[in-house]
Amino acid sequence: MKKEFEAISKIIENNKRVLDVGCGDGALMEYLKEKQKNDVRGLEPQKNLVQKCIAKGLPVIEGDAEKELVQFPKKSFDYVVLSQTLQAFFNPEEVLEQLLRIGKKTIVTIPNFGYWKVRLHLLFKGTMPITKNLPNEWYNTPNLHMCTIKDFVNFCKNKNIKIDKSMCVTDEKISEITNKNMSYKNIFSQLGIFLIE
């Protein structure tokens, strides 16, 4: 998680308006507020997590992104961040459209289902794997859409979504994803981080 936050903070400049969609307990919001003096807001569907954010003094709206994002004005934030949540939406394509509409730039991070440990676990054990980034059993996971780094890049190409920057987290190290190293990163990275517009 720390490396993901570090990568996101490398993209977002200081003193920007940021919306964290699916902000959880507000950990990323706190990080961006304290480290970079950003004006952060959150949107979170779970009441107990909203209360945790409020207790920390973070401005959060309780609501489901699939229903609530339409209410935000166009380009009302410098950055909209969706951290490891895209795969949990019923309609991720619609959510991405809204994120791109309300943010001047959008940062999406995804757990990489193409990671080698996930592949091997499925191949040899024949069961859905549990990893640091995929900590749930198949029956209680919020993940509805399994997506790899390559899948996300291909999706963006097909939808004419511009990827300004793509990075990944591999064994707690942040590195860049390029066309040349895409296949390698798709196997060896736990997390993909994309700046899109």
Protein backbone atom coordinates (compact mmCIF):
# COMPACT_ATOMS: atom_id res chain seq x y z
CA MET A 1 0.00 0.00 0.00
CA LYS A 2 2.80 2.43 0.88
CA LYS A 3 4.45 1.98 -2.51
CA GLU A 4 1.13 2.55 -4.27
CA PHE A 5 0.64 5.82 -2.36
CA GLU A 6 4.21 6.85 -3.15
CA ALA A 7 3.63 6.21 -6.88
CA ILE A 8 0.37 8.18 -6.83
CA SER A 9 2.04 11.08 -5.03
CA LYS A 10 4.75 11.16 -7.73
CA ILE A 11 2.02 11.87 -10.27
CA ILE A 12 -0.03 14.43 -8.33
CA GLU A 13 1.57 17.83 -7.82
CA ASN A 14 1.18 19.85 -4.61
CA ASN A 15 -1.89 21.99 -3.91
CA LYS A 16 -4.30 20.21 -6.27
CA ARG A 17 -8.00 19.34 -5.87
CA VAL A 18 -8.23 15.56 -5.56
CA LEU A 19 -11.22 13.22 -5.33
CA ASP A 20 -10.51 9.74 -3.95
CA VAL A 21 -13.29 7.42 -5.17
CA GLY A 22 -13.81 4.44 -2.88
CA CYS A 23 -11.56 6.11 -0.32
CA GLY A 24 -11.94 3.41 2.35
CA ASP A 25 -10.68 4.62 5.73
CA GLY A 26 -9.07 7.70 4.15
CA ALA A 27 -5.45 6.47 4.26
CA LEU A 28 -4.60 7.78 0.77
CA MET A 29 -6.44 11.05 1.43
CA GLU A 30 -4.41 11.56 4.62
CA TYR A 31 -1.20 10.76 2.75
CA LEU A 32 -1.91 13.29 -0.03
CA LYS A 33 -3.11 15.94 2.40
CA GLU A 34 -0.11 15.68 4.74
CA LYS A 35 2.67 15.01 2.22
CA GLN A 36 1.54 17.39 -0.53
CA LYS A 37 -0.98 19.81 0.95
CA ASN A 38 -3.64 18.70 -1.53
CA ASP A 39 -7.30 19.64 -1.14
CA VAL A 40 -8.73 16.11 -0.89
CA ARG A 41 -12.31 14.83 -0.89
CA GLY A 42 -13.58 11.28 -0.69
CA LEU A 43 -16.50 9.17 -1.86
CA GLU A 44 -17.13 5.92 0.01
CA PRO A 45 -20.14 3.55 0.10
CA GLN A 46 -19.48 1.92 3.50
CA LYS A 47 -20.86 3.86 6.45
CA ASN A 48 -18.27 2.57 8.97
CA LEU A 49 -15.40 3.69 6.69
CA VAL A 50 -17.06 7.08 6.12
CA GLN A 51 -17.18 7.49 9.92
CA LYS A 52 -13.47 6.64 10.19
CA CYS A 53 -12.67 9.35 7.62
CA ILE A 54 -14.84 11.90 9.42
CA ALA A 55 -13.14 11.02 12.72
CA LYS A 56 -9.82 11.88 11.03
CA GLY A 57 -11.25 15.24 9.89
CA LEU A 58 -11.43 14.20 6.22
CA PRO A 59 -14.29 15.47 4.02
CA VAL A 60 -16.16 12.42 2.69
CA ILE A 61 -19.50 11.83 1.00
CA GLU A 62 -21.25 8.54 1.67
CA GLY A 63 -22.34 7.08 -1.64
CA ASP A 64 -21.94 4.50 -4.37
CA ALA A 65 -19.68 5.71 -7.19
CA GLU A 66 -21.82 3.95 -9.80
CA LYS A 67 -24.75 6.21 -8.81
CA GLU A 68 -23.17 9.34 -7.31
CA LEU A 69 -20.42 10.33 -9.78
CA VAL A 70 -22.96 11.74 -12.26
CA GLN A 71 -23.69 14.54 -9.75
CA PHE A 72 -20.15 15.98 -9.88
CA PRO A 73 -19.61 18.81 -12.38
CA LYS A 74 -17.36 18.32 -15.40
CA LYS A 75 -13.62 18.80 -14.67
CA SER A 76 -14.36 19.74 -11.04
CA PHE A 77 -11.14 18.09 -9.78
CA ASP A 78 -7.53 18.26 -10.93
CA TYR A 79 -7.18 14.54 -10.22
CA VAL A 80 -9.64 11.75 -9.57
CA VAL A 81 -8.12 8.63 -8.00
CA LEU A 82 -9.58 5.14 -8.12
CA SER A 83 -7.34 2.87 -6.06
CA GLN A 84 -7.79 -0.90 -6.53
CA THR A 85 -11.56 -0.59 -6.93
CA LEU A 86 -12.27 -0.71 -10.69
CA GLN A 87 -12.63 -4.49 -10.71
CA ALA A 88 -15.35 -4.32 -8.02
CA PHE A 89 -17.87 -2.30 -10.04
CA PHE A 90 -20.77 -3.87 -11.94
CA ASN A 91 -20.03 -1.56 -14.87
CA PRO A 92 -16.38 -0.43 -14.75
CA GLU A 93 -16.60 1.12 -18.22
CA GLU A 94 -19.32 3.55 -17.09
CA VAL A 95 -17.41 4.42 -13.91
CA LEU A 96 -14.27 5.19 -15.95
CA GLU A 97 -16.30 7.47 -18.25
CA GLN A 98 -17.49 9.42 -15.20
CA LEU A 99 -14.00 9.63 -13.71
CA LEU A 100 -12.61 10.99 -16.97
CA ARG A 101 -15.47 13.49 -17.13
CA ILE A 102 -15.07 14.94 -13.63
CA GLY A 103 -11.27 14.85 -13.41
CA LYS A 104 -8.82 16.82 -15.52
CA LYS A 105 -6.63 13.73 -15.02
CA THR A 106 -7.53 10.32 -13.63
CA ILE A 107 -5.34 7.84 -11.77
CA VAL A 108 -6.45 4.21 -11.74
CA THR A 109 -4.64 1.46 -9.87
CA ILE A 110 -5.52 -2.19 -10.38
CA PRO A 111 -4.45 -5.42 -8.71
CA ASN A 112 -2.81 -7.44 -11.49
CA PHE A 113 -4.56 -10.77 -11.98
CA GLY A 114 -1.76 -11.66 -14.43
CA TYR A 115 0.83 -11.72 -11.60
CA TRP A 116 2.89 -14.93 -11.70
CA LYS A 117 1.90 -16.10 -8.20
CA VAL A 118 -1.78 -15.78 -9.15
CA ARG A 119 -1.15 -17.75 -12.38
CA LEU A 120 0.82 -20.51 -10.65
CA HIS A 121 -1.62 -20.86 -7.78
CA LEU A 122 -4.49 -21.31 -10.21
CA LEU A 123 -2.48 -23.67 -12.41
CA PHE A 124 -1.11 -25.97 -9.70
CA LYS A 125 -3.67 -25.76 -6.91
CA GLY A 126 -6.72 -25.23 -9.09
CA THR A 127 -8.24 -22.72 -6.66
CA MET A 128 -8.55 -18.95 -6.70
CA PRO A 129 -5.40 -17.49 -5.14
CA ILE A 130 -5.14 -15.28 -2.09
CA THR A 131 -2.37 -12.68 -2.19
CA LYS A 132 -1.54 -9.38 -0.48
CA ASN A 133 -3.46 -7.44 -3.16
CA LEU A 134 -6.21 -10.10 -3.49
CA PRO A 135 -6.83 -11.03 0.15
CA ASN A 136 -10.34 -12.53 -0.12
CA GLU A 137 -11.73 -15.97 -0.86
CA TRP A 138 -13.60 -16.41 -4.16
CA TYR A 139 -16.98 -16.33 -2.38
CA ASN A 140 -16.47 -13.11 -0.40
CA THR A 141 -14.31 -11.09 -2.77
CA PRO A 142 -15.61 -7.73 -3.95
CA ASN A 143 -13.83 -8.36 -7.28
CA LEU A 144 -16.28 -8.94 -10.12
CA HIS A 145 -13.96 -8.36 -13.10
CA MET A 146 -10.55 -9.99 -13.24
CA CYS A 147 -8.16 -7.66 -15.07
CA THR A 148 -4.45 -7.76 -15.88
CA ILE A 149 -2.13 -4.87 -16.66
CA LYS A 150 -2.26 -5.91 -20.34
CA ASP A 151 -6.09 -6.04 -20.24
CA PHE A 152 -6.27 -2.49 -18.93
CA VAL A 153 -3.82 -1.15 -21.53
CA ASN A 154 -5.76 -2.90 -24.32
CA PHE A 155 -9.05 -1.53 -22.94
CA CYS A 156 -7.66 2.02 -23.02
CA LYS A 157 -6.46 1.56 -26.62
CA ASN A 158 -9.87 0.22 -27.71
CA LYS A 159 -11.72 3.10 -26.01
CA ASN A 160 -9.29 5.81 -27.21
CA ILE A 161 -8.33 6.64 -23.62
CA LYS A 162 -4.89 8.24 -23.51
CA ILE A 163 -2.44 6.72 -21.02
CA ASP A 164 -0.05 9.50 -19.99
CA LYS A 165 1.93 7.39 -17.55
CA SER A 166 1.94 3.73 -16.56
CA MET A 167 3.83 2.29 -13.62
CA CYS A 168 3.76 -0.87 -11.60
CA VAL A 169 4.71 -2.13 -8.18
CA THR A 170 6.95 -5.20 -8.22
CA ASP A 171 8.26 -6.53 -4.90
CA GLU A 172 7.85 -3.12 -3.26
CA LYS A 173 9.64 -1.31 -6.10
CA ILE A 174 8.02 1.22 -8.42
CA SER A 175 8.96 1.05 -12.09
CA GLU A 176 7.66 2.26 -15.44
CA ILE A 177 5.67 0.13 -17.87
CA THR A 178 6.62 0.54 -21.54
CA ASN A 179 5.58 -1.24 -24.73
CA LYS A 180 8.88 -3.15 -24.64
CA ASN A 181 8.55 -4.46 -21.08
CA MET A 182 4.75 -4.90 -21.01
CA SER A 183 4.75 -8.72 -21.11
CA TYR A 184 7.39 -8.90 -18.37
CA LYS A 185 5.58 -6.40 -16.13
CA ASN A 186 2.28 -8.19 -16.71
CA ILE A 187 3.80 -11.35 -15.20
CA PHE A 188 5.96 -9.91 -12.41
CA SER A 189 3.97 -6.93 -11.07
CA GLN A 190 1.39 -7.09 -8.30
CA LEU A 191 -0.15 -3.70 -9.11
CA GLY A 192 -0.62 -1.48 -12.16
CA ILE A 193 -0.86 2.32 -11.81
CA PHE A 194 -2.14 4.41 -14.72
CA LEU A 195 -2.54 8.13 -15.35
CA ILE A 196 -5.22 8.53 -18.00
CA GLU A 197 -7.19 11.31 -19.72
